[in-house]
Amino acid sequence: MEIRELEIRIFKRPTPAHYQLLLTADPSKKIVAAYLERSTCFEARRGHELIGVFILLATRPETVELVNIAVAARFQGQGVGTHLVKAALQWAQHKGYQVVEIGTGTTSFQQLALYQKCGFRVVGVDPDFFTRNYQEPIIENKLRLRDMLRLRKYLA
């Protein structure tokens, strides 16, 4: 798939297809619904097909957090995730944000590599974040997810 075929645009009301993607990155519909209300939501489409989503939430003056990013399974590994992260960074910079933050699981190896390739640096750990905030255990890469890594990128 050609990345230039993707159209990235804001969406206001999440459809079941949006939720299906969002829940692959965050398994709690309750938590997802709570941050969607306060966020700017983006979708990536090729024609009518939903390929990916990302959600940005202003957390402090000049700071926005990338709280969810997901790519449909059949389009993973094709550079779509990198394209979406870069689109999020461009939008944030255009809107005057100075800092973009993201949190990811300590067992989210592919996501962690992606964020670091896009210039994010680890700035902290939130111990037991996932055991405190999610009722069901999350297993990722055959490991129980417990802690969240916090990453940050300063925009020039």
C-alpha atoms as a PDB file:
ATOM      1  CA  MET A   1       0.000   0.000   0.000  1.00  0.00           C
ATOM      2  CA  GLU A   2       1.196   3.484  -0.831  1.00  0.00           C
ATOM      3  CA  ILE A   3       1.227   5.816   2.172  1.00  0.00           C
ATOM      4  CA  ARG A   4       0.323   8.736  -0.078  1.00  0.00           C
ATOM      5  CA  GLU A   5      -3.015   7.010  -0.745  1.00  0.00           C
ATOM      6  CA  LEU A   6      -4.042   7.670   2.860  1.00  0.00           C
ATOM      7  CA  GLU A   7      -6.332  10.528   3.734  1.00  0.00           C
ATOM      8  CA  ILE A   8      -6.012  11.639   7.356  1.00  0.00           C
ATOM      9  CA  ARG A   9      -8.882  13.671   8.766  1.00  0.00           C
ATOM     10  CA  ILE A  10     -10.595  14.545  12.019  1.00  0.00           C
ATOM     11  CA  PHE A  11     -13.653  12.564  13.036  1.00  0.00           C
ATOM     12  CA  LYS A  12     -16.200  13.632  15.640  1.00  0.00           C
ATOM     13  CA  ARG A  13     -18.314  10.545  16.338  1.00  0.00           C
ATOM     14  CA  PRO A  14     -16.628   7.176  16.656  1.00  0.00           C
ATOM     15  CA  THR A  15     -18.303   4.370  14.729  1.00  0.00           C
ATOM     16  CA  PRO A  16     -18.111   0.673  15.655  1.00  0.00           C
ATOM     17  CA  ALA A  17     -15.211   0.428  13.160  1.00  0.00           C
ATOM     18  CA  HIS A  18     -13.331   3.186  15.024  1.00  0.00           C
ATOM     19  CA  TYR A  19     -13.951   1.416  18.339  1.00  0.00           C
ATOM     20  CA  GLN A  20     -12.775  -1.888  16.907  1.00  0.00           C
ATOM     21  CA  LEU A  21      -9.408  -0.296  16.084  1.00  0.00           C
ATOM     22  CA  LEU A  22      -9.160   1.805  19.246  1.00  0.00           C
ATOM     23  CA  LEU A  23      -9.748  -1.252  21.433  1.00  0.00           C
ATOM     24  CA  THR A  24      -6.800  -3.046  19.856  1.00  0.00           C
ATOM     25  CA  ALA A  25      -4.566  -0.379  21.416  1.00  0.00           C
ATOM     26  CA  ASP A  26      -6.540   0.065  24.660  1.00  0.00           C
ATOM     27  CA  PRO A  27      -8.800  -2.826  25.729  1.00  0.00           C
ATOM     28  CA  SER A  28     -11.063  -0.781  28.028  1.00  0.00           C
ATOM     29  CA  LYS A  29     -14.075   0.677  26.204  1.00  0.00           C
ATOM     30  CA  LYS A  30     -14.856   2.733  29.326  1.00  0.00           C
ATOM     31  CA  ILE A  31     -11.406   4.334  29.374  1.00  0.00           C
ATOM     32  CA  VAL A  32     -11.422   4.900  25.595  1.00  0.00           C
ATOM     33  CA  ALA A  33     -14.868   6.539  25.744  1.00  0.00           C
ATOM     34  CA  ALA A  34     -13.708   8.826  28.565  1.00  0.00           C
ATOM     35  CA  TYR A  35     -10.749  10.257  26.677  1.00  0.00           C
ATOM     36  CA  LEU A  36     -12.525  10.440  23.317  1.00  0.00           C
ATOM     37  CA  GLU A  37     -14.884  13.077  24.733  1.00  0.00           C
ATOM     38  CA  ARG A  38     -11.968  15.421  25.492  1.00  0.00           C
ATOM     39  CA  SER A  39      -9.713  14.676  22.513  1.00  0.00           C
ATOM     40  CA  THR A  40      -9.117  15.493  18.888  1.00  0.00           C
ATOM     41  CA  CYS A  41      -9.693  12.267  16.955  1.00  0.00           C
ATOM     42  CA  PHE A  42      -8.133  11.384  13.600  1.00  0.00           C
ATOM     43  CA  GLU A  43      -8.773   8.615  11.123  1.00  0.00           C
ATOM     44  CA  ALA A  44      -6.706   7.398   8.190  1.00  0.00           C
ATOM     45  CA  ARG A  45      -8.652   6.075   5.210  1.00  0.00           C
ATOM     46  CA  ARG A  46      -7.845   4.698   1.803  1.00  0.00           C
ATOM     47  CA  GLY A  47     -11.017   5.371  -0.120  1.00  0.00           C
ATOM     48  CA  HIS A  48     -13.816   4.229   2.176  1.00  0.00           C
ATOM     49  CA  GLU A  49     -11.635   1.765   4.090  1.00  0.00           C
ATOM     50  CA  LEU A  50     -10.610   2.678   7.656  1.00  0.00           C
ATOM     51  CA  ILE A  51      -6.878   1.917   7.954  1.00  0.00           C
ATOM     52  CA  GLY A  52      -5.921   3.568  11.254  1.00  0.00           C
ATOM     53  CA  VAL A  53      -6.756   6.014  13.999  1.00  0.00           C
ATOM     54  CA  PHE A  54      -4.953   8.242  16.458  1.00  0.00           C
ATOM     55  CA  ILE A  55      -6.216  10.339  19.332  1.00  0.00           C
ATOM     56  CA  LEU A  56      -4.607  13.486  20.758  1.00  0.00           C
ATOM     57  CA  LEU A  57      -5.532  14.870  24.170  1.00  0.00           C
ATOM     58  CA  ALA A  58      -4.353  18.252  25.458  1.00  0.00           C
ATOM     59  CA  THR A  59      -3.020  17.614  28.974  1.00  0.00           C
ATOM     60  CA  ARG A  60      -1.314  20.900  29.906  1.00  0.00           C
ATOM     61  CA  PRO A  61      -0.631  24.212  28.208  1.00  0.00           C
ATOM     62  CA  GLU A  62       1.665  23.517  25.246  1.00  0.00           C
ATOM     63  CA  THR A  63       1.478  19.719  25.845  1.00  0.00           C
ATOM     64  CA  VAL A  64      -0.598  17.115  24.033  1.00  0.00           C
ATOM     65  CA  GLU A  65      -0.638  13.365  24.596  1.00  0.00           C
ATOM     66  CA  LEU A  66      -1.001  10.735  21.893  1.00  0.00           C
ATOM     67  CA  VAL A  67      -3.383   8.586  23.952  1.00  0.00           C
ATOM     68  CA  ASN A  68      -4.252   6.003  21.291  1.00  0.00           C
ATOM     69  CA  ILE A  69      -2.881   4.950  17.943  1.00  0.00           C
ATOM     70  CA  ALA A  70      -3.947   1.848  16.053  1.00  0.00           C
ATOM     71  CA  VAL A  71      -3.520   0.392  12.570  1.00  0.00           C
ATOM     72  CA  ALA A  72      -5.756  -2.307  11.111  1.00  0.00           C
ATOM     73  CA  ALA A  73      -3.983  -5.679  11.355  1.00  0.00           C
ATOM     74  CA  ARG A  74      -3.648  -6.257   7.618  1.00  0.00           C
ATOM     75  CA  PHE A  75      -1.868  -2.899   7.175  1.00  0.00           C
ATOM     76  CA  GLN A  76       0.629  -3.276  10.021  1.00  0.00           C
ATOM     77  CA  GLY A  77       4.296  -3.452   9.113  1.00  0.00           C
ATOM     78  CA  GLN A  78       3.830  -1.208   6.069  1.00  0.00           C
ATOM     79  CA  GLY A  79       4.849   2.141   7.579  1.00  0.00           C
ATOM     80  CA  VAL A  80       1.310   3.275   8.397  1.00  0.00           C
ATOM     81  CA  GLY A  81       2.025   3.615  12.128  1.00  0.00           C
ATOM     82  CA  THR A  82       5.071   5.773  11.460  1.00  0.00           C
ATOM     83  CA  HIS A  83       3.025   7.896   9.066  1.00  0.00           C
ATOM     84  CA  LEU A  84       0.301   8.377  11.709  1.00  0.00           C
ATOM     85  CA  VAL A  85       2.798   9.341  14.435  1.00  0.00           C
ATOM     86  CA  LYS A  86       4.387  11.875  12.086  1.00  0.00           C
ATOM     87  CA  ALA A  87       0.946  13.266  11.193  1.00  0.00           C
ATOM     88  CA  ALA A  88       0.185  13.649  14.913  1.00  0.00           C
ATOM     89  CA  LEU A  89       3.477  15.482  15.463  1.00  0.00           C
ATOM     90  CA  GLN A  90       2.829  17.812  12.502  1.00  0.00           C
ATOM     91  CA  TRP A  91      -0.690  18.618  13.712  1.00  0.00           C
ATOM     92  CA  ALA A  92       0.572  19.294  17.253  1.00  0.00           C
ATOM     93  CA  GLN A  93       3.309  21.580  15.984  1.00  0.00           C
ATOM     94  CA  HIS A  94       0.874  23.404  13.682  1.00  0.00           C
ATOM     95  CA  LYS A  95      -1.431  23.979  16.682  1.00  0.00           C
ATOM     96  CA  GLY A  96       1.419  25.470  18.723  1.00  0.00           C
ATOM     97  CA  TYR A  97       2.143  22.595  21.085  1.00  0.00           C
ATOM     98  CA  GLN A  98       5.736  22.357  22.304  1.00  0.00           C
ATOM     99  CA  VAL A  99       5.633  18.816  23.745  1.00  0.00           C
ATOM    100  CA  VAL A 100       4.037  15.541  22.676  1.00  0.00           C
ATOM    101  CA  GLU A 101       3.839  12.742  25.224  1.00  0.00           C
ATOM    102  CA  ILE A 102       2.849   9.117  24.946  1.00  0.00           C
ATOM    103  CA  GLY A 103       2.475   6.206  27.327  1.00  0.00           C
ATOM    104  CA  THR A 104       3.014   2.595  26.330  1.00  0.00           C
ATOM    105  CA  GLY A 105       3.332  -0.732  28.032  1.00  0.00           C
ATOM    106  CA  THR A 106       6.687  -2.109  29.076  1.00  0.00           C
ATOM    107  CA  THR A 107       5.788  -5.237  27.071  1.00  0.00           C
ATOM    108  CA  SER A 108       4.811  -3.240  23.944  1.00  0.00           C
ATOM    109  CA  PHE A 109       8.116  -3.839  22.173  1.00  0.00           C
ATOM    110  CA  GLN A 110       7.056  -2.923  18.617  1.00  0.00           C
ATOM    111  CA  GLN A 111       5.276   0.241  19.734  1.00  0.00           C
ATOM    112  CA  LEU A 112       8.233   1.293  21.881  1.00  0.00           C
ATOM    113  CA  ALA A 113      10.587   0.883  18.911  1.00  0.00           C
ATOM    114  CA  LEU A 114       8.235   2.901  16.684  1.00  0.00           C
ATOM    115  CA  TYR A 115       8.011   5.790  19.145  1.00  0.00           C
ATOM    116  CA  GLN A 116      11.767   5.907  19.622  1.00  0.00           C
ATOM    117  CA  LYS A 117      12.326   5.866  15.842  1.00  0.00           C
ATOM    118  CA  CYS A 118      10.014   8.899  15.705  1.00  0.00           C
ATOM    119  CA  GLY A 119      12.186  10.767  18.231  1.00  0.00           C
ATOM    120  CA  PHE A 120      10.418  10.071  21.530  1.00  0.00           C
ATOM    121  CA  ARG A 121      12.572   9.473  24.616  1.00  0.00           C
ATOM    122  CA  VAL A 122      11.656   7.545  27.745  1.00  0.00           C
ATOM    123  CA  VAL A 123      11.199   9.969  30.644  1.00  0.00           C
ATOM    124  CA  GLY A 124       9.637   7.779  33.321  1.00  0.00           C
ATOM    125  CA  VAL A 125       7.797   4.685  34.455  1.00  0.00           C
ATOM    126  CA  ASP A 126       4.330   4.511  36.007  1.00  0.00           C
ATOM    127  CA  PRO A 127       4.601   1.300  38.071  1.00  0.00           C
ATOM    128  CA  ASP A 128       1.527  -0.957  38.107  1.00  0.00           C
ATOM    129  CA  PHE A 129      -0.457   1.435  35.873  1.00  0.00           C
ATOM    130  CA  PHE A 130      -2.155  -1.393  34.007  1.00  0.00           C
ATOM    131  CA  THR A 131      -2.880  -3.506  37.091  1.00  0.00           C
ATOM    132  CA  ARG A 132      -4.407  -0.456  38.836  1.00  0.00           C
ATOM    133  CA  ASN A 133      -6.519   0.759  35.899  1.00  0.00           C
ATOM    134  CA  TYR A 134      -7.651  -2.410  34.101  1.00  0.00           C
ATOM    135  CA  GLN A 135      -9.718  -5.144  35.718  1.00  0.00           C
ATOM    136  CA  GLU A 136      -8.664  -7.903  33.347  1.00  0.00           C
ATOM    137  CA  PRO A 137      -4.985  -8.837  33.063  1.00  0.00           C
ATOM    138  CA  ILE A 138      -3.395  -7.753  29.778  1.00  0.00           C
ATOM    139  CA  ILE A 139      -1.031 -10.287  28.221  1.00  0.00           C
ATOM    140  CA  GLU A 140       1.284  -8.986  25.543  1.00  0.00           C
ATOM    141  CA  ASN A 141       4.220 -10.836  24.006  1.00  0.00           C
ATOM    142  CA  LYS A 142       3.505 -13.665  26.475  1.00  0.00           C
ATOM    143  CA  LEU A 143       4.092 -11.305  29.419  1.00  0.00           C
ATOM    144  CA  ARG A 144       1.641  -9.768  31.864  1.00  0.00           C
ATOM    145  CA  LEU A 145       1.549  -6.029  31.309  1.00  0.00           C
ATOM    146  CA  ARG A 146       1.920  -4.102  34.550  1.00  0.00           C
ATOM    147  CA  ASP A 147       3.907  -0.886  34.055  1.00  0.00           C
ATOM    148  CA  MET A 148       3.601   2.055  31.676  1.00  0.00           C
ATOM    149  CA  LEU A 149       6.589   3.750  30.105  1.00  0.00           C
ATOM    150  CA  ARG A 150       6.171   7.488  29.652  1.00  0.00           C
ATOM    151  CA  LEU A 151       7.811   9.009  26.569  1.00  0.00           C
ATOM    152  CA  ARG A 152       8.185  12.610  25.439  1.00  0.00           C
ATOM    153  CA  LYS A 153       9.219  14.487  22.328  1.00  0.00           C
ATOM    154  CA  TYR A 154       9.954  18.203  22.241  1.00  0.00           C
ATOM    155  CA  LEU A 155       8.870  19.927  19.055  1.00  0.00           C
ATOM    156  CA  ALA A 156      11.252  22.424  17.447  1.00  0.00           C
END
